[in-house]
Amino acid sequence: PATSGRMSWIVAQGVEMGRASRLNIDVEK
């Protein structure tokens, strides 16, 4: 809902494949 500002998320992927991965997402909205 924020109309501006810095936002961050951490995403896990590859867990089900036995190759756990971690992706960091940073956004300046």
PDB file of all heavy atoms in Angstrom:
ATOM      1  N   PRO A   1       0.799  -1.233   0.000  1.00  0.00           N
ATOM      2  CA  PRO A   1       0.000   0.000   0.000  1.00  0.00           C
ATOM      3  C   PRO A   1       0.827   1.277   0.000  1.00  0.00           C
ATOM      4  O   PRO A   1       0.315   2.347  -0.330  1.00  0.00           O
ATOM      5  CB  PRO A   1      -0.829  -0.127   1.285  1.00  0.00           C
ATOM      6  CG  PRO A   1      -0.056  -1.058   2.162  1.00  0.00           C
ATOM      7  CD  PRO A   1       0.600  -2.028   1.228  1.00  0.00           C
ATOM      8  N   ALA A   2       2.108   1.186   0.368  1.00  0.00           N
ATOM      9  CA  ALA A   2       2.947   2.382   0.383  1.00  0.00           C
ATOM     10  C   ALA A   2       3.108   2.924  -1.038  1.00  0.00           C
ATOM     11  O   ALA A   2       3.250   2.168  -1.996  1.00  0.00           O
ATOM     12  CB  ALA A   2       4.311   2.070   0.977  1.00  0.00           C
ATOM     13  N   THR A   3       3.070   4.228  -1.167  1.00  0.00           N
ATOM     14  CA  THR A   3       3.212   4.852  -2.487  1.00  0.00           C
ATOM     15  C   THR A   3       4.668   5.152  -2.829  1.00  0.00           C
ATOM     16  O   THR A   3       4.974   5.465  -3.976  1.00  0.00           O
ATOM     17  CB  THR A   3       2.413   6.154  -2.550  1.00  0.00           C
ATOM     18  OG1 THR A   3       2.853   7.034  -1.499  1.00  0.00           O
ATOM     19  CG2 THR A   3       0.925   5.880  -2.380  1.00  0.00           C
ATOM     20  N   SER A   4       5.552   5.052  -1.851  1.00  0.00           N
ATOM     21  CA  SER A   4       6.965   5.283  -2.120  1.00  0.00           C
ATOM     22  C   SER A   4       7.784   4.674  -0.988  1.00  0.00           C
ATOM     23  O   SER A   4       7.261   4.345   0.078  1.00  0.00           O
ATOM     24  CB  SER A   4       7.266   6.789  -2.230  1.00  0.00           C
ATOM     25  OG  SER A   4       6.986   7.444  -1.005  1.00  0.00           O
ATOM     26  N   GLY A   5       9.079   4.511  -1.252  1.00  0.00           N
ATOM     27  CA  GLY A   5       9.973   4.002  -0.227  1.00  0.00           C
ATOM     28  C   GLY A   5      10.681   2.730  -0.654  1.00  0.00           C
ATOM     29  O   GLY A   5      10.409   2.151  -1.708  1.00  0.00           O
ATOM     30  N   ARG A   6      11.599   2.291   0.187  1.00  0.00           N
ATOM     31  CA  ARG A   6      12.394   1.101  -0.078  1.00  0.00           C
ATOM     32  C   ARG A   6      11.695  -0.124   0.499  1.00  0.00           C
ATOM     33  O   ARG A   6      11.221  -0.097   1.638  1.00  0.00           O
ATOM     34  CB  ARG A   6      13.795   1.246   0.521  1.00  0.00           C
ATOM     35  CG  ARG A   6      14.753   0.144   0.109  1.00  0.00           C
ATOM     36  CD  ARG A   6      16.148   0.429   0.641  1.00  0.00           C
ATOM     37  NE  ARG A   6      17.102  -0.595   0.233  1.00  0.00           N
ATOM     38  CZ  ARG A   6      17.735  -0.635  -0.925  1.00  0.00           C
ATOM     39  NH1 ARG A   6      17.504   0.335  -1.808  1.00  0.00           N
ATOM     40  NH2 ARG A   6      18.575  -1.596  -1.220  1.00  0.00           N
ATOM     41  N   MET A   7      11.642  -1.182  -0.259  1.00  0.00           N
ATOM     42  CA  MET A   7      10.987  -2.421   0.147  1.00  0.00           C
ATOM     43  C   MET A   7      11.919  -3.585  -0.117  1.00  0.00           C
ATOM     44  O   MET A   7      12.660  -3.582  -1.104  1.00  0.00           O
ATOM     45  CB  MET A   7       9.685  -2.609  -0.637  1.00  0.00           C
ATOM     46  CG  MET A   7       8.736  -1.445  -0.514  1.00  0.00           C
ATOM     47  SD  MET A   7       7.407  -1.537  -1.736  1.00  0.00           S
ATOM     48  CE  MET A   7       6.574   0.029  -1.387  1.00  0.00           C
ATOM     49  N   SER A   8      11.873  -4.597   0.742  1.00  0.00           N
ATOM     50  CA  SER A   8      12.764  -5.745   0.598  1.00  0.00           C
ATOM     51  C   SER A   8      12.015  -7.030   0.899  1.00  0.00           C
ATOM     52  O   SER A   8      11.150  -7.069   1.778  1.00  0.00           O
ATOM     53  CB  SER A   8      13.976  -5.622   1.536  1.00  0.00           C
ATOM     54  OG  SER A   8      14.740  -4.471   1.233  1.00  0.00           O
ATOM     55  N   TRP A   9      12.361  -8.065   0.176  1.00  0.00           N
ATOM     56  CA  TRP A   9      11.823  -9.404   0.416  1.00  0.00           C
ATOM     57  C   TRP A   9      12.945 -10.417   0.247  1.00  0.00           C
ATOM     58  O   TRP A   9      13.897 -10.190  -0.504  1.00  0.00           O
ATOM     59  CB  TRP A   9      10.720  -9.736  -0.588  1.00  0.00           C
ATOM     60  CG  TRP A   9       9.517  -8.859  -0.519  1.00  0.00           C
ATOM     61  CD1 TRP A   9       8.400  -9.034   0.240  1.00  0.00           C
ATOM     62  CD2 TRP A   9       9.289  -7.639  -1.250  1.00  0.00           C
ATOM     63  NE1 TRP A   9       7.500  -8.023   0.039  1.00  0.00           N
ATOM     64  CE2 TRP A   9       8.021  -7.151  -0.880  1.00  0.00           C
ATOM     65  CE3 TRP A   9      10.032  -6.927  -2.186  1.00  0.00           C
ATOM     66  CZ2 TRP A   9       7.489  -5.983  -1.410  1.00  0.00           C
ATOM     67  CZ3 TRP A   9       9.518  -5.757  -2.714  1.00  0.00           C
ATOM     68  CH2 TRP A   9       8.256  -5.298  -2.328  1.00  0.00           C
ATOM     69  N   ILE A  10      12.822 -11.544   0.945  1.00  0.00           N
ATOM     70  CA  ILE A  10      13.722 -12.683   0.762  1.00  0.00           C
ATOM     71  C   ILE A  10      12.883 -13.837   0.237  1.00  0.00           C
ATOM     72  O   ILE A  10      11.846 -14.174   0.811  1.00  0.00           O
ATOM     73  CB  ILE A  10      14.425 -13.071   2.071  1.00  0.00           C
ATOM     74  CG1 ILE A  10      15.283 -11.905   2.582  1.00  0.00           C
ATOM     75  CG2 ILE A  10      15.296 -14.312   1.857  1.00  0.00           C
ATOM     76  CD1 ILE A  10      15.893 -12.164   3.948  1.00  0.00           C
ATOM     77  N   VAL A  11      13.340 -14.437  -0.859  1.00  0.00           N
ATOM     78  CA  VAL A  11      12.611 -15.516  -1.507  1.00  0.00           C
ATOM     79  C   VAL A  11      13.456 -16.785  -1.477  1.00  0.00           C
ATOM     80  O   VAL A  11      14.645 -16.767  -1.833  1.00  0.00           O
ATOM     81  CB  VAL A  11      12.275 -15.154  -2.967  1.00  0.00           C
ATOM     82  CG1 VAL A  11      11.605 -16.326  -3.674  1.00  0.00           C
ATOM     83  CG2 VAL A  11      11.387 -13.908  -3.024  1.00  0.00           C
ATOM     84  N   ALA A  12      12.849 -17.881  -1.051  1.00  0.00           N
ATOM     85  CA  ALA A  12      13.487 -19.197  -1.117  1.00  0.00           C
ATOM     86  C   ALA A  12      13.013 -19.909  -2.367  1.00  0.00           C
ATOM     87  O   ALA A  12      11.841 -19.826  -2.748  1.00  0.00           O
ATOM     88  CB  ALA A  12      13.139 -20.015   0.124  1.00  0.00           C
ATOM     89  N   GLN A  13      13.911 -20.630  -3.019  1.00  0.00           N
ATOM     90  CA  GLN A  13      13.572 -21.404  -4.215  1.00  0.00           C
ATOM     91  C   GLN A  13      14.476 -22.633  -4.256  1.00  0.00           C
ATOM     92  O   GLN A  13      15.532 -22.680  -3.613  1.00  0.00           O
ATOM     93  CB  GLN A  13      13.745 -20.566  -5.486  1.00  0.00           C
ATOM     94  CG  GLN A  13      13.170 -21.209  -6.743  1.00  0.00           C
ATOM     95  CD  GLN A  13      13.378 -20.362  -7.996  1.00  0.00           C
ATOM     96  OE1 GLN A  13      13.663 -19.163  -7.918  1.00  0.00           O
ATOM     97  NE2 GLN A  13      13.257 -20.969  -9.153  1.00  0.00           N
ATOM     98  N   GLY A  14      14.087 -23.630  -5.004  1.00  0.00           N
ATOM     99  CA  GLY A  14      14.912 -24.815  -5.174  1.00  0.00           C
ATOM    100  C   GLY A  14      14.871 -25.805  -4.031  1.00  0.00           C
ATOM    101  O   GLY A  14      15.547 -26.833  -4.074  1.00  0.00           O
ATOM    102  N   VAL A  15      14.080 -25.520  -3.002  1.00  0.00           N
ATOM    103  CA  VAL A  15      14.041 -26.382  -1.811  1.00  0.00           C
ATOM    104  C   VAL A  15      13.560 -27.781  -2.184  1.00  0.00           C
ATOM    105  O   VAL A  15      14.142 -28.794  -1.757  1.00  0.00           O
ATOM    106  CB  VAL A  15      13.137 -25.752  -0.736  1.00  0.00           C
ATOM    107  CG1 VAL A  15      13.007 -26.682   0.466  1.00  0.00           C
ATOM    108  CG2 VAL A  15      13.681 -24.390  -0.312  1.00  0.00           C
ATOM    109  N   GLU A  16      12.509 -27.840  -2.977  1.00  0.00           N
ATOM    110  CA  GLU A  16      11.928 -29.136  -3.347  1.00  0.00           C
ATOM    111  C   GLU A  16      12.879 -29.960  -4.223  1.00  0.00           C
ATOM    112  O   GLU A  16      12.732 -31.186  -4.314  1.00  0.00           O
ATOM    113  CB  GLU A  16      10.604 -28.922  -4.085  1.00  0.00           C
ATOM    114  CG  GLU A  16       9.506 -28.278  -3.243  1.00  0.00           C
ATOM    115  CD  GLU A  16       9.655 -26.763  -3.110  1.00  0.00           C
ATOM    116  OE1 GLU A  16      10.569 -26.186  -3.767  1.00  0.00           O
ATOM    117  OE2 GLU A  16       8.880 -26.157  -2.359  1.00  0.00           O
ATOM    118  N   MET A  17      13.842 -29.307  -4.851  1.00  0.00           N
ATOM    119  CA  MET A  17      14.802 -29.985  -5.720  1.00  0.00           C
ATOM    120  C   MET A  17      16.060 -30.409  -4.974  1.00  0.00           C
ATOM    121  O   MET A  17      16.965 -31.005  -5.565  1.00  0.00           O
ATOM    122  CB  MET A  17      15.194 -29.063  -6.882  1.00  0.00           C
ATOM    123  CG  MET A  17      14.049 -28.577  -7.734  1.00  0.00           C
ATOM    124  SD  MET A  17      14.604 -27.414  -8.996  1.00  0.00           S
ATOM    125  CE  MET A  17      15.595 -28.472 -10.053  1.00  0.00           C
ATOM    126  N   GLY A  18      16.152 -30.060  -3.686  1.00  0.00           N
ATOM    127  CA  GLY A  18      17.364 -30.332  -2.938  1.00  0.00           C
ATOM    128  C   GLY A  18      18.496 -29.374  -3.254  1.00  0.00           C
ATOM    129  O   GLY A  18      19.661 -29.659  -2.967  1.00  0.00           O
ATOM    130  N   ARG A  19      18.167 -28.208  -3.827  1.00  0.00           N
ATOM    131  CA  ARG A  19      19.169 -27.185  -4.139  1.00  0.00           C
ATOM    132  C   ARG A  19      18.666 -25.851  -3.607  1.00  0.00           C
ATOM    133  O   ARG A  19      18.352 -24.928  -4.359  1.00  0.00           O
ATOM    134  CB  ARG A  19      19.429 -27.103  -5.649  1.00  0.00           C
ATOM    135  CG  ARG A  19      19.976 -28.378  -6.264  1.00  0.00           C
ATOM    136  CD  ARG A  19      20.603 -28.104  -7.609  1.00  0.00           C
ATOM    137  NE  ARG A  19      21.808 -27.297  -7.482  1.00  0.00           N
ATOM    138  CZ  ARG A  19      23.050 -27.781  -7.583  1.00  0.00           C
ATOM    139  NH1 ARG A  19      23.248 -29.064  -7.778  1.00  0.00           N
ATOM    140  NH2 ARG A  19      24.090 -26.977  -7.480  1.00  0.00           N
ATOM    141  N   ALA A  20      18.589 -25.759  -2.291  1.00  0.00           N
ATOM    142  CA  ALA A  20      18.022 -24.580  -1.650  1.00  0.00           C
ATOM    143  C   ALA A  20      18.760 -23.317  -2.077  1.00  0.00           C
ATOM    144  O   ALA A  20      19.987 -23.251  -2.068  1.00  0.00           O
ATOM    145  CB  ALA A  20      18.076 -24.733  -0.140  1.00  0.00           C
ATOM    146  N   SER A  21      17.984 -22.311  -2.462  1.00  0.00           N
ATOM    147  CA  SER A  21      18.520 -21.040  -2.939  1.00  0.00           C
ATOM    148  C   SER A  21      17.841 -19.901  -2.198  1.00  0.00           C
ATOM    149  O   SER A  21      16.719 -20.025  -1.715  1.00  0.00           O
ATOM    150  CB  SER A  21      18.266 -20.892  -4.453  1.00  0.00           C
ATOM    151  OG  SER A  21      18.771 -21.995  -5.162  1.00  0.00           O
ATOM    152  N   ARG A  22      18.545 -18.778  -2.139  1.00  0.00           N
ATOM    153  CA  ARG A  22      18.038 -17.596  -1.432  1.00  0.00           C
ATOM    154  C   ARG A  22      18.238 -16.384  -2.336  1.00  0.00           C
ATOM    155  O   ARG A  22      19.352 -16.086  -2.757  1.00  0.00           O
ATOM    156  CB  ARG A  22      18.790 -17.425  -0.114  1.00  0.00           C
ATOM    157  CG  ARG A  22      18.411 -16.211   0.713  1.00  0.00           C
ATOM    158  CD  ARG A  22      19.370 -16.115   1.886  1.00  0.00           C
ATOM    159  NE  ARG A  22      19.155 -14.910   2.681  1.00  0.00           N
ATOM    160  CZ  ARG A  22      18.539 -14.896   3.854  1.00  0.00           C
ATOM    161  NH1 ARG A  22      18.059 -16.023   4.354  1.00  0.00           N
ATOM    162  NH2 ARG A  22      18.400 -13.770   4.534  1.00  0.00           N
ATOM    163  N   LEU A  23      17.134 -15.703  -2.646  1.00  0.00           N
ATOM    164  CA  LEU A  23      17.185 -14.539  -3.519  1.00  0.00           C
ATOM    165  C   LEU A  23      16.697 -13.317  -2.753  1.00  0.00           C
ATOM    166  O   LEU A  23      15.610 -13.342  -2.161  1.00  0.00           O
ATOM    167  CB  LEU A  23      16.311 -14.757  -4.764  1.00  0.00           C
ATOM    168  CG  LEU A  23      16.704 -15.934  -5.674  1.00  0.00           C
ATOM    169  CD1 LEU A  23      15.969 -17.199  -5.245  1.00  0.00           C
ATOM    170  CD2 LEU A  23      16.389 -15.625  -7.122  1.00  0.00           C
ATOM    171  N   ASN A  24      17.493 -12.257  -2.748  1.00  0.00           N
ATOM    172  CA  ASN A  24      17.135 -11.008  -2.079  1.00  0.00           C
ATOM    173  C   ASN A  24      16.599 -10.027  -3.113  1.00  0.00           C
ATOM    174  O   ASN A  24      17.260  -9.768  -4.132  1.00  0.00           O
ATOM    175  CB  ASN A  24      18.346 -10.398  -1.381  1.00  0.00           C
ATOM    176  CG  ASN A  24      18.816 -11.228  -0.190  1.00  0.00           C
ATOM    177  OD1 ASN A  24      18.996 -12.428  -0.323  1.00  0.00           O
ATOM    178  ND2 ASN A  24      19.016 -10.609   0.932  1.00  0.00           N
ATOM    179  N   ILE A  25      15.425  -9.477  -2.843  1.00  0.00           N
ATOM    180  CA  ILE A  25      14.792  -8.504  -3.743  1.00  0.00           C
ATOM    181  C   ILE A  25      14.690  -7.167  -3.017  1.00  0.00           C
ATOM    182  O   ILE A  25      14.138  -7.097  -1.915  1.00  0.00           O
ATOM    183  CB  ILE A  25      13.381  -8.959  -4.157  1.00  0.00           C
ATOM    184  CG1 ILE A  25      13.436 -10.307  -4.887  1.00  0.00           C
ATOM    185  CG2 ILE A  25      12.707  -7.901  -5.036  1.00  0.00           C
ATOM    186  CD1 ILE A  25      12.066 -10.882  -5.205  1.00  0.00           C
ATOM    187  N   ASP A  26      15.237  -6.130  -3.611  1.00  0.00           N
ATOM    188  CA  ASP A  26      15.138  -4.765  -3.073  1.00  0.00           C
ATOM    189  C   ASP A  26      14.493  -3.881  -4.128  1.00  0.00           C
ATOM    190  O   ASP A  26      14.888  -3.910  -5.299  1.00  0.00           O
ATOM    191  CB  ASP A  26      16.514  -4.207  -2.704  1.00  0.00           C
ATOM    192  CG  ASP A  26      17.168  -4.970  -1.572  1.00  0.00           C
ATOM    193  OD1 ASP A  26      16.524  -5.141  -0.520  1.00  0.00           O
ATOM    194  OD2 ASP A  26      18.325  -5.412  -1.729  1.00  0.00           O
ATOM    195  N   VAL A  27      13.524  -3.082  -3.692  1.00  0.00           N
ATOM    196  CA  VAL A  27      12.781  -2.202  -4.601  1.00  0.00           C
ATOM    197  C   VAL A  27      12.763  -0.790  -4.025  1.00  0.00           C
ATOM    198  O   VAL A  27      12.558  -0.600  -2.820  1.00  0.00           O
ATOM    199  CB  VAL A  27      11.341  -2.704  -4.777  1.00  0.00           C
ATOM    200  CG1 VAL A  27      10.510  -1.703  -5.572  1.00  0.00           C
ATOM    201  CG2 VAL A  27      11.304  -4.062  -5.453  1.00  0.00           C
ATOM    202  N   GLU A  28      12.962   0.188  -4.894  1.00  0.00           N
ATOM    203  CA  GLU A  28      12.726   1.585  -4.547  1.00  0.00           C
ATOM    204  C   GLU A  28      11.462   1.983  -5.286  1.00  0.00           C
ATOM    205  O   GLU A  28      11.476   2.144  -6.511  1.00  0.00           O
ATOM    206  CB  GLU A  28      13.909   2.464  -4.953  1.00  0.00           C
ATOM    207  CG  GLU A  28      13.820   3.899  -4.453  1.00  0.00           C
ATOM    208  CD  GLU A  28      13.988   4.006  -2.944  1.00  0.00           C
ATOM    209  OE1 GLU A  28      14.793   3.252  -2.377  1.00  0.00           O
ATOM    210  OE2 GLU A  28      13.303   4.854  -2.339  1.00  0.00           O
ATOM    211  N   LYS A  29      10.360   2.123  -4.556  1.00  0.00           N
ATOM    212  CA  LYS A  29       9.069   2.369  -5.187  1.00  0.00           C
ATOM    213  C   LYS A  29       8.762   3.860  -5.234  1.00  0.00           C
ATOM    214  O   LYS A  29       8.855   4.560  -4.232  1.00  0.00           O
ATOM    215  CB  LYS A  29       7.948   1.643  -4.414  1.00  0.00           C
ATOM    216  CG  LYS A  29       6.555   1.790  -5.022  1.00  0.00           C
ATOM    217  CD  LYS A  29       5.537   0.978  -4.240  1.00  0.00           C
ATOM    218  CE  LYS A  29       4.142   1.109  -4.815  1.00  0.00           C
ATOM    219  NZ  LYS A  29       3.153   0.312  -4.055  1.00  0.00           N
TER     220      LYS A  29
END
